[in-house]
C-alpha atoms as a PDB file:
ATOM      1  CA  MET A   1       0.191  -0.150   0.009  1.00  0.00           C
ATOM      2  CA  LEU A   2       1.742   3.391  -0.802  1.00  0.00           C
ATOM      3  CA  VAL A   3       0.136   6.697   0.118  1.00  0.00           C
ATOM      4  CA  LEU A   4       1.353  10.675  -1.017  1.00  0.00           C
ATOM      5  CA  ASP A   5       0.898  12.256   2.331  1.00  0.00           C
ATOM      6  CA  ARG A   6       3.403  15.317   3.523  1.00  0.00           C
ATOM      7  CA  THR A   7       1.324  14.752   7.186  1.00  0.00           C
ATOM      8  CA  ALA A   8       2.805  13.082  10.707  1.00  0.00           C
ATOM      9  CA  VAL A   9       4.415   9.821  10.433  1.00  0.00           C
ATOM     10  CA  SER A  10       3.446   6.752  12.227  1.00  0.00           C
ATOM     11  CA  VAL A  11       3.995   6.434  16.145  1.00  0.00           C
ATOM     12  CA  GLY A  12       3.445   2.970  16.155  1.00  0.00           C
ATOM     13  CA  ALA A  13       5.594   0.132  16.465  1.00  0.00           C
ATOM     14  CA  ALA A  14       9.117   0.315  14.838  1.00  0.00           C
ATOM     15  CA  PHE A  15      11.546  -2.023  12.186  1.00  0.00           C
ATOM     16  CA  ARG A  16      14.431  -3.874  14.203  1.00  0.00           C
ATOM     17  CA  TRP A  17      16.243  -4.106  10.561  1.00  0.00           C
ATOM     18  CA  GLU A  18      16.347  -2.098   7.796  1.00  0.00           C
ATOM     19  CA  LEU A  19      16.048  -4.895   5.696  1.00  0.00           C
ATOM     20  CA  ASP A  20      12.454  -5.943   7.245  1.00  0.00           C
ATOM     21  CA  MET A  21      11.703  -2.364   5.166  1.00  0.00           C
ATOM     22  CA  ILE A  22      12.240  -4.085   1.816  1.00  0.00           C
ATOM     23  CA  ASP A  23       9.586  -5.983   1.346  1.00  0.00           C
ATOM     24  CA  ALA A  24       7.104  -2.924   1.946  1.00  0.00           C
ATOM     25  CA  LEU A  25       9.271  -1.143  -0.404  1.00  0.00           C
ATOM     26  CA  VAL A  26       9.153  -3.849  -3.150  1.00  0.00           C
ATOM     27  CA  GLN A  27       5.618  -4.225  -2.914  1.00  0.00           C
ATOM     28  CA  ALA A  28       4.932  -0.097  -3.560  1.00  0.00           C
ATOM     29  CA  ARG A  29       7.226  -0.056  -6.939  1.00  0.00           C
ATOM     30  CA  ALA A  30       4.678   1.180  -8.899  1.00  0.00           C
ATOM     31  CA  ALA A  31       4.521   4.407  -7.168  1.00  0.00           C
ATOM     32  CA  PHE A  32       8.384   4.674  -7.425  1.00  0.00           C
ATOM     33  CA  SER A  33       8.563   4.320 -11.241  1.00  0.00           C
ATOM     34  CA  GLU A  34       9.578   7.199 -13.157  1.00  0.00           C
ATOM     35  CA  LEU A  35       6.784   6.196 -15.933  1.00  0.00           C
ATOM     36  CA  ALA A  36       3.951   5.080 -13.753  1.00  0.00           C
ATOM     37  CA  VAL A  37       3.238   1.841 -15.915  1.00  0.00           C
ATOM     38  CA  GLY A  38       2.098   0.371 -12.881  1.00  0.00           C
ATOM     39  CA  VAL A  39       2.689  -2.991 -11.712  1.00  0.00           C
ATOM     40  CA  HIS A  40       4.882  -4.012 -14.550  1.00  0.00           C
ATOM     41  CA  SER A  41       7.999  -2.044 -13.114  1.00  0.00           C
ATOM     42  CA  ASP A  42      11.046  -4.462 -12.080  1.00  0.00           C
ATOM     43  CA  VAL A  43      12.983  -4.675  -9.105  1.00  0.00           C
ATOM     44  CA  ARG A  44      16.536  -5.311  -8.791  1.00  0.00           C
ATOM     45  CA  LEU A  45      18.315  -5.490  -5.141  1.00  0.00           C
ATOM     46  CA  GLU A  46      21.861  -4.278  -4.382  1.00  0.00           C
ATOM     47  CA  VAL A  47      22.942  -3.358  -7.954  1.00  0.00           C
ATOM     48  CA  PRO A  48      26.522  -2.438  -8.224  1.00  0.00           C
ATOM     49  CA  THR A  49      26.963   1.117  -9.777  1.00  0.00           C
ATOM     50  CA  ALA A  50      29.691   3.793  -9.944  1.00  0.00           C
ATOM     51  CA  ALA A  51      28.124   5.367  -7.244  1.00  0.00           C
ATOM     52  CA  GLY A  52      27.658   2.660  -4.828  1.00  0.00           C
ATOM     53  CA  VAL A  53      25.441  -0.008  -4.348  1.00  0.00           C
ATOM     54  CA  PRO A  54      21.410   1.340  -3.588  1.00  0.00           C
ATOM     55  CA  ASP A  55      19.398  -1.150  -1.435  1.00  0.00           C
ATOM     56  CA  VAL A  56      16.490  -0.889  -4.058  1.00  0.00           C
ATOM     57  CA  MET A  57      16.516  -0.286  -7.983  1.00  0.00           C
ATOM     58  CA  PHE A  58      13.224   0.087  -9.898  1.00  0.00           C
ATOM     59  CA  LEU A  59      13.700  -0.174 -13.422  1.00  0.00           C
ATOM     60  CA  GLU A  60      11.712   0.080 -16.617  1.00  0.00           C
ATOM     61  CA  TRP A  61      13.413  -1.874 -19.498  1.00  0.00           C
ATOM     62  CA  ASP A  62      13.859  -0.852 -22.605  1.00  0.00           C
ATOM     63  CA  GLU A  63      12.332  -3.883 -24.039  1.00  0.00           C
ATOM     64  CA  ASP A  64      13.208  -2.549 -28.044  1.00  0.00           C
ATOM     65  CA  ALA A  65      16.761  -1.743 -27.295  1.00  0.00           C
ATOM     66  CA  ILE A  66      17.002  -5.189 -25.810  1.00  0.00           C
ATOM     67  CA  GLY A  67      15.543  -6.729 -28.913  1.00  0.00           C
ATOM     68  CA  GLN A  68      17.961  -5.000 -30.925  1.00  0.00           C
ATOM     69  CA  ARG A  69      20.649  -5.668 -29.028  1.00  0.00           C
ATOM     70  CA  GLU A  70      20.257  -9.411 -28.706  1.00  0.00           C
ATOM     71  CA  ALA A  71      19.476  -9.891 -32.255  1.00  0.00           C
ATOM     72  CA  LEU A  72      22.942  -8.262 -32.695  1.00  0.00           C
ATOM     73  CA  GLY A  73      24.487 -10.723 -30.258  1.00  0.00           C
ATOM     74  CA  LEU A  74      25.598  -7.455 -27.934  1.00  0.00           C
ATOM     75  CA  ALA A  75      25.943  -8.162 -24.720  1.00  0.00           C
ATOM     76  CA  PRO A  76      25.983  -6.308 -21.477  1.00  0.00           C
ATOM     77  CA  VAL A  77      29.118  -3.651 -21.123  1.00  0.00           C
ATOM     78  CA  THR A  78      29.861  -3.478 -17.428  1.00  0.00           C
ATOM     79  CA  ASP A  79      32.873  -1.262 -17.513  1.00  0.00           C
ATOM     80  CA  LEU A  80      32.714   2.173 -16.750  1.00  0.00           C
ATOM     81  CA  THR A  81      35.748   2.931 -19.339  1.00  0.00           C
ATOM     82  CA  ARG A  82      34.196   1.562 -22.327  1.00  0.00           C
ATOM     83  CA  LEU A  83      30.861   2.600 -21.742  1.00  0.00           C
ATOM     84  CA  ARG A  84      32.497   6.176 -21.884  1.00  0.00           C
ATOM     85  CA  VAL A  85      34.416   5.316 -25.055  1.00  0.00           C
ATOM     86  CA  LEU A  86      31.127   4.513 -26.381  1.00  0.00           C
ATOM     87  CA  GLU A  87      29.283   7.782 -25.183  1.00  0.00           C
ATOM     88  CA  ILE A  88      32.571   9.597 -26.961  1.00  0.00           C
ATOM     89  CA  LEU A  89      32.286   7.333 -30.348  1.00  0.00           C
ATOM     90  CA  GLU A  90      28.410   8.313 -30.864  1.00  0.00           C
ATOM     91  CA  ARG A  91      30.045  11.571 -31.832  1.00  0.00           C
ATOM     92  CA  GLY A  92      31.700  10.011 -35.009  1.00  0.00           C
ATOM     93  CA  ARG A  93      35.033   8.419 -35.710  1.00  0.00           C
ATOM     94  CA  ILE A  94      38.001   9.226 -33.794  1.00  0.00           C
ATOM     95  CA  PRO A  95      41.887   9.001 -33.472  1.00  0.00           C
ATOM     96  CA  VAL A  96      42.926   6.785 -30.707  1.00  0.00           C
ATOM     97  CA  PRO A  97      44.864   9.787 -29.194  1.00  0.00           C
ATOM     98  CA  ASP A  98      42.181  11.862 -28.829  1.00  0.00           C
ATOM     99  CA  LEU A  99      39.809   9.362 -27.682  1.00  0.00           C
ATOM    100  CA  SER A 100      42.409   8.637 -24.905  1.00  0.00           C
ATOM    101  CA  ARG A 101      42.094  12.280 -23.810  1.00  0.00           C
ATOM    102  CA  ALA A 102      38.346  12.377 -23.635  1.00  0.00           C
ATOM    103  CA  VAL A 103      38.233   9.311 -21.747  1.00  0.00           C
ATOM    104  CA  GLY A 104      41.087  10.039 -19.270  1.00  0.00           C
ATOM    105  CA  VAL A 105      42.936   6.560 -19.772  1.00  0.00           C
ATOM    106  CA  SER A 106      46.353   6.237 -21.629  1.00  0.00           C
ATOM    107  CA  ALA A 107      46.161   5.149 -25.537  1.00  0.00           C
ATOM    108  CA  ALA A 108      48.266   1.953 -24.351  1.00  0.00           C
ATOM    109  CA  HIS A 109      45.692   1.205 -22.378  1.00  0.00           C
ATOM    110  CA  LEU A 110      42.904   1.783 -24.707  1.00  0.00           C
ATOM    111  CA  GLY A 111      44.979  -0.104 -27.402  1.00  0.00           C
ATOM    112  CA  ARG A 112      45.688  -3.154 -25.147  1.00  0.00           C
ATOM    113  CA  THR A 113      42.712  -3.709 -22.826  1.00  0.00           C
ATOM    114  CA  VAL A 114      39.366  -1.488 -23.833  1.00  0.00           C
ATOM    115  CA  LEU A 115      39.621  -1.565 -27.911  1.00  0.00           C
ATOM    116  CA  PRO A 116      40.294  -5.083 -28.372  1.00  0.00           C
ATOM    117  CA  ALA A 117      37.559  -6.463 -25.502  1.00  0.00           C
ATOM    118  CA  LEU A 118      34.943  -4.063 -27.012  1.00  0.00           C
ATOM    119  CA  GLU A 119      36.083  -5.035 -30.631  1.00  0.00           C
ATOM    120  CA  ALA A 120      35.220  -8.805 -29.345  1.00  0.00           C
ATOM    121  CA  LEU A 121      32.232  -7.678 -28.733  1.00  0.00           C
ATOM    122  CA  GLY A 122      31.255  -6.387 -31.762  1.00  0.00           C
ATOM    123  CA  TRP A 123      30.978  -2.653 -30.308  1.00  0.00           C
ATOM    124  CA  VAL A 124      33.947  -0.878 -32.490  1.00  0.00           C
ATOM    125  CA  GLU A 125      35.764  -0.895 -35.541  1.00  0.00           C
ATOM    126  CA  ARG A 126      39.388  -0.143 -35.704  1.00  0.00           C
ATOM    127  CA  TRP A 127      41.111   1.656 -38.822  1.00  0.00           C
ATOM    128  CA  SER A 128      44.641   1.583 -40.259  1.00  0.00           C
ATOM    129  CA  ASP A 129      45.111   5.044 -39.053  1.00  0.00           C
ATOM    130  CA  ARG A 130      44.490   4.416 -35.505  1.00  0.00           C
ATOM    131  CA  SER A 131      41.360   6.044 -35.303  1.00  0.00           C
ATOM    132  CA  VAL A 132      38.245   4.157 -34.024  1.00  0.00           C
ATOM    133  CA  SER A 133      34.381   4.205 -35.028  1.00  0.00           C
ATOM    134  CA  LEU A 134      31.188   2.572 -34.132  1.00  0.00           C
ATOM    135  CA  PRO A 135      30.387   0.240 -36.803  1.00  0.00           C
ATOM    136  CA  ASP A 136      28.074   1.516 -39.714  1.00  0.00           C
ATOM    137  CA  ALA A 137      24.404   2.310 -38.739  1.00  0.00           C
ATOM    138  CA  LEU A 138      25.070   1.196 -34.868  1.00  0.00           C
ATOM    139  CA  THR A 139      24.357   3.271 -31.659  1.00  0.00           C
ATOM    140  CA  TYR A 140      24.550   2.540 -28.008  1.00  0.00           C
ATOM    141  CA  GLN A 141      21.135   2.327 -26.521  1.00  0.00           C
ATOM    142  CA  ALA A 142      21.098   1.301 -22.853  1.00  0.00           C
ATOM    143  CA  PRO A 143      18.525  -1.481 -21.879  1.00  0.00           C
ATOM    144  CA  VAL A 144      17.099   0.546 -19.473  1.00  0.00           C
ATOM    145  CA  ARG A 145      14.240   3.413 -20.103  1.00  0.00           C
ATOM    146  CA  SER A 146      13.903   4.483 -16.786  1.00  0.00           C
ATOM    147  CA  MET A 147      16.004   3.878 -13.109  1.00  0.00           C
ATOM    148  CA  VAL A 148      14.639   5.104  -9.261  1.00  0.00           C
ATOM    149  CA  THR A 149      16.861   4.004  -6.727  1.00  0.00           C
ATOM    150  CA  VAL A 150      15.624   3.647  -2.906  1.00  0.00           C
ATOM    151  CA  GLU A 151      18.392   3.426   0.263  1.00  0.00           C
ATOM    152  CA  ALA A 152      16.451   2.158   3.007  1.00  0.00           C
ATOM    153  CA  LYS A 153      17.682   3.108   6.772  1.00  0.00           C
ATOM    154  CA  LEU A 154      15.857   2.655  10.418  1.00  0.00           C
ATOM    155  CA  SER A 155      16.713   6.555  11.234  1.00  0.00           C
ATOM    156  CA  ASP A 156      20.222   7.438  10.273  1.00  0.00           C
ATOM    157  CA  TRP A 157      18.704  10.444   7.517  1.00  0.00           C
ATOM    158  CA  ARG A 158      22.089  12.112   7.204  1.00  0.00           C
ATOM    159  CA  ARG A 159      23.725   8.965   6.333  1.00  0.00           C
ATOM    160  CA  ALA A 160      21.056   7.600   3.832  1.00  0.00           C
ATOM    161  CA  PHE A 161      20.884  11.198   2.218  1.00  0.00           C
ATOM    162  CA  LYS A 162      24.856  11.003   1.903  1.00  0.00           C
ATOM    163  CA  GLN A 163      24.563   7.817  -0.366  1.00  0.00           C
ATOM    164  CA  ALA A 164      21.327   8.505  -2.345  1.00  0.00           C
ATOM    165  CA  SER A 165      23.016  11.717  -3.201  1.00  0.00           C
ATOM    166  CA  LEU A 166      25.397   9.538  -4.665  1.00  0.00           C
ATOM    167  CA  HIS A 167      23.122   7.270  -6.459  1.00  0.00           C
ATOM    168  CA  ALA A 168      21.180  10.208  -8.166  1.00  0.00           C
ATOM    169  CA  GLN A 169      24.337  10.321 -10.102  1.00  0.00           C
ATOM    170  CA  THR A 170      23.435   7.344 -12.050  1.00  0.00           C
ATOM    171  CA  ALA A 171      19.495   7.072 -11.587  1.00  0.00           C
ATOM    172  CA  ASP A 172      16.468   9.208 -12.870  1.00  0.00           C
ATOM    173  CA  ARG A 173      15.135   9.665  -9.145  1.00  0.00           C
ATOM    174  CA  ALA A 174      16.794   9.083  -6.366  1.00  0.00           C
ATOM    175  CA  TYR A 175      14.692   8.329  -2.683  1.00  0.00           C
ATOM    176  CA  ILE A 176      15.582   7.633   0.811  1.00  0.00           C
ATOM    177  CA  ALA A 177      13.160   5.521   2.984  1.00  0.00           C
ATOM    178  CA  LEU A 178      13.174   5.456   6.732  1.00  0.00           C
ATOM    179  CA  ASP A 179      11.063   3.856   9.503  1.00  0.00           C
ATOM    180  CA  ALA A 180       7.994   6.306   9.670  1.00  0.00           C
ATOM    181  CA  ARG A 181       8.498   5.776  13.372  1.00  0.00           C
ATOM    182  CA  ARG A 182      11.842   7.784  13.337  1.00  0.00           C
ATOM    183  CA  ALA A 183      11.296  10.032  10.327  1.00  0.00           C
ATOM    184  CA  THR A 184       9.896  12.839  12.296  1.00  0.00           C
ATOM    185  CA  ALA A 185      13.508  15.188  11.808  1.00  0.00           C
ATOM    186  CA  ALA A 186      13.783  14.109   8.134  1.00  0.00           C
ATOM    187  CA  SER A 187      10.231  15.116   7.159  1.00  0.00           C
ATOM    188  CA  ARG A 188      10.423  18.579   8.562  1.00  0.00           C
ATOM    189  CA  ILE A 189      13.156  19.047   5.803  1.00  0.00           C
ATOM    190  CA  ALA A 190      11.798  16.978   2.980  1.00  0.00           C
ATOM    191  CA  ASP A 191      11.604  19.845   0.639  1.00  0.00           C
ATOM    192  CA  GLU A 192      15.373  20.723   1.274  1.00  0.00           C
ATOM    193  CA  LEU A 193      16.239  17.310   0.714  1.00  0.00           C
ATOM    194  CA  ALA A 194      14.196  17.141  -2.657  1.00  0.00           C
ATOM    195  CA  ASP A 195      15.847  20.406  -3.587  1.00  0.00           C
ATOM    196  CA  GLU A 196      18.869  18.539  -3.313  1.00  0.00           C
ATOM    197  CA  GLY A 197      17.708  16.101  -5.433  1.00  0.00           C
ATOM    198  CA  VAL A 198      16.820  13.122  -2.820  1.00  0.00           C
ATOM    199  CA  GLY A 199      13.272  12.319  -2.451  1.00  0.00           C
ATOM    200  CA  LEU A 200      12.089  11.094   1.223  1.00  0.00           C
ATOM    201  CA  ALA A 201       9.448   8.099   2.029  1.00  0.00           C
ATOM    202  CA  THR A 202       8.682   6.188   4.978  1.00  0.00           C
ATOM    203  CA  VAL A 203       7.791   2.888   5.876  1.00  0.00           C
ATOM    204  CA  ASP A 204       4.971   1.550   8.188  1.00  0.00           C
ATOM    205  CA  ALA A 205       6.468  -1.232  10.527  1.00  0.00           C
ATOM    206  CA  ASP A 206       2.397  -2.064  11.670  1.00  0.00           C
ATOM    207  CA  SER A 207       1.115  -1.822   8.085  1.00  0.00           C
ATOM    208  CA  GLY A 208       3.772  -2.042   5.548  1.00  0.00           C
ATOM    209  CA  GLU A 209       2.501   1.402   4.593  1.00  0.00           C
ATOM    210  CA  VAL A 210       4.629   3.429   2.159  1.00  0.00           C
ATOM    211  CA  ARG A 211       4.106   7.308   2.038  1.00  0.00           C
ATOM    212  CA  LEU A 212       5.904   9.311  -0.283  1.00  0.00           C
ATOM    213  CA  ILE A 213       6.609  12.359   1.697  1.00  0.00           C
ATOM    214  CA  ALA A 214       8.645  14.199  -1.165  1.00  0.00           C
ATOM    215  CA  HIS A 215       9.980  13.449  -4.687  1.00  0.00           C
ATOM    216  CA  PRO A 216      13.479  15.007  -6.088  1.00  0.00           C
ATOM    217  CA  ARG A 217      13.187  18.379  -7.657  1.00  0.00           C
ATOM    218  CA  LYS A 218      16.719  18.237  -8.643  1.00  0.00           C
ATOM    219  CA  LEU A 219      17.162  15.581 -11.476  1.00  0.00           C
ATOM    220  CA  ARG A 220      20.601  14.153 -12.881  1.00  0.00           C
ATOM    221  CA  VAL A 221      21.462  14.629 -16.644  1.00  0.00           C
ATOM    222  CA  ARG A 222      22.298  11.156 -18.214  1.00  0.00           C
ATOM    223  CA  ASP A 223      25.548  10.030 -18.439  1.00  0.00           C
ATOM    224  CA  ALA A 224      28.040   6.646 -18.909  1.00  0.00           C
ATOM    225  CA  TRP A 225      27.110   6.477 -15.257  1.00  0.00           C
ATOM    226  CA  PHE A 226      23.271   5.804 -15.616  1.00  0.00           C
ATOM    227  CA  ARG A 227      24.347   3.646 -18.305  1.00  0.00           C
ATOM    228  CA  PHE A 228      27.044   1.461 -16.022  1.00  0.00           C
ATOM    229  CA  ALA A 229      23.514   0.995 -13.648  1.00  0.00           C
ATOM    230  CA  SER A 230      22.126  -0.028 -16.713  1.00  0.00           C
ATOM    231  CA  GLU A 231      24.050  -2.557 -17.703  1.00  0.00           C
ATOM    232  CA  GLN A 232      24.753  -4.193 -14.675  1.00  0.00           C
ATOM    233  CA  ALA A 233      20.941  -4.316 -14.076  1.00  0.00           C
ATOM    234  CA  TRP A 234      20.532  -6.080 -17.381  1.00  0.00           C
ATOM    235  CA  GLU A 235      23.329  -8.708 -16.601  1.00  0.00           C
ATOM    236  CA  LEU A 236      21.261  -9.320 -13.741  1.00  0.00           C
ATOM    237  CA  ARG A 237      17.709  -9.951 -15.636  1.00  0.00           C
ATOM    238  CA  LEU A 238      19.780 -12.269 -18.364  1.00  0.00           C
ATOM    239  CA  GLN A 239      21.223 -14.482 -15.218  1.00  0.00           C
ATOM    240  CA  ASP A 240      17.653 -14.665 -13.539  1.00  0.00           C
ATOM    241  CA  ARG A 241      18.857 -13.096 -10.382  1.00  0.00           C
ATOM    242  CA  HIS A 242      17.081 -10.173  -8.537  1.00  0.00           C
ATOM    243  CA  VAL A 243      20.284  -9.754  -6.105  1.00  0.00           C
ATOM    244  CA  GLY A 244      23.448  -8.544  -6.745  1.00  0.00           C
ATOM    245  CA  ASP A 245      26.773 -10.029  -5.251  1.00  0.00           C
ATOM    246  CA  VAL A 246      26.283  -8.144  -2.108  1.00  0.00           C
ATOM    247  CA  SER A 247      23.467 -10.682  -0.693  1.00  0.00           C
ATOM    248  CA  HIS A 248      23.833 -10.981   3.104  1.00  0.00           C
ATOM    249  CA  VAL A 249      22.822  -8.469   5.709  1.00  0.00           C
ATOM    250  CA  PHE A 250      22.551  -8.869   9.485  1.00  0.00           C
ATOM    251  CA  GLY A 251      22.820 -12.679   9.019  1.00  0.00           C
ATOM    252  CA  ARG A 252      20.069 -13.091   6.495  1.00  0.00           C
ATOM    253  CA  ASP A 253      20.186 -13.434   2.582  1.00  0.00           C
ATOM    254  CA  LEU A 254      18.267 -10.747   0.481  1.00  0.00           C
ATOM    255  CA  ARG A 255      17.898 -13.691  -2.263  1.00  0.00           C
ATOM    256  CA  THR A 256      15.050 -15.098  -0.365  1.00  0.00           C
ATOM    257  CA  LEU A 257      12.991 -12.126  -0.726  1.00  0.00           C
ATOM    258  CA  ARG A 258      10.398 -11.967  -3.480  1.00  0.00           C
ATOM    259  CA  ALA A 259      11.916  -8.900  -5.668  1.00  0.00           C
ATOM    260  CA  ALA A 260      10.094  -9.610  -7.928  1.00  0.00           C
ATOM    261  CA  GLY A 261       6.492 -10.682  -6.619  1.00  0.00           C
END
């Protein structure tokens, strides 16, 4: 159950563990969806990103892009430097020394490691004049249309905000979720948090009700960090996994949660 509410938070029971909040957040996934397409919104937990590992990631897949990439045999690109290369190559063919300066790695590293890997994956063509380009008619398409992250904490909103601020550099929207009984202080400054790009939600321990207190108002421009998180999430999907490699929290296994249910 989800309610959009700017009023007082719950005064009932409190959660014992942050992990106990995850199920309620997962059940409220449609409300966190950037595209508001309802129950078809997907969920992955502990997806590694370039800005940390958010507790929950809500996703809207770009099935057209995924279908095209699968037809071309273009597997997930789970290396940030490779994604930066692809981002730059969208502008056109470029000499390797210029590409090196744009990406911020040595030309030797590009030539020995990055470009051979991308070439083997079918993403780039290398030319005799030491330039590189995308193959004809190929453009990069992220497998994700929209991404929302949530960082769950019992009461430490400052730590949650610090982590979510980093996640906001990866996702379309980033939220913190607090135990409703302990969220009074954060609720008072929800507008300030939203202005800094982080939304606020609370979770009630008695009812499982999720209340959206504020949506983030400072949204990020997508870049290679968004693509990196998208590729990581897609790789989990291809592996039929709903949880990243960080699977044990407080002695419990996140894989036991019904992340897709």
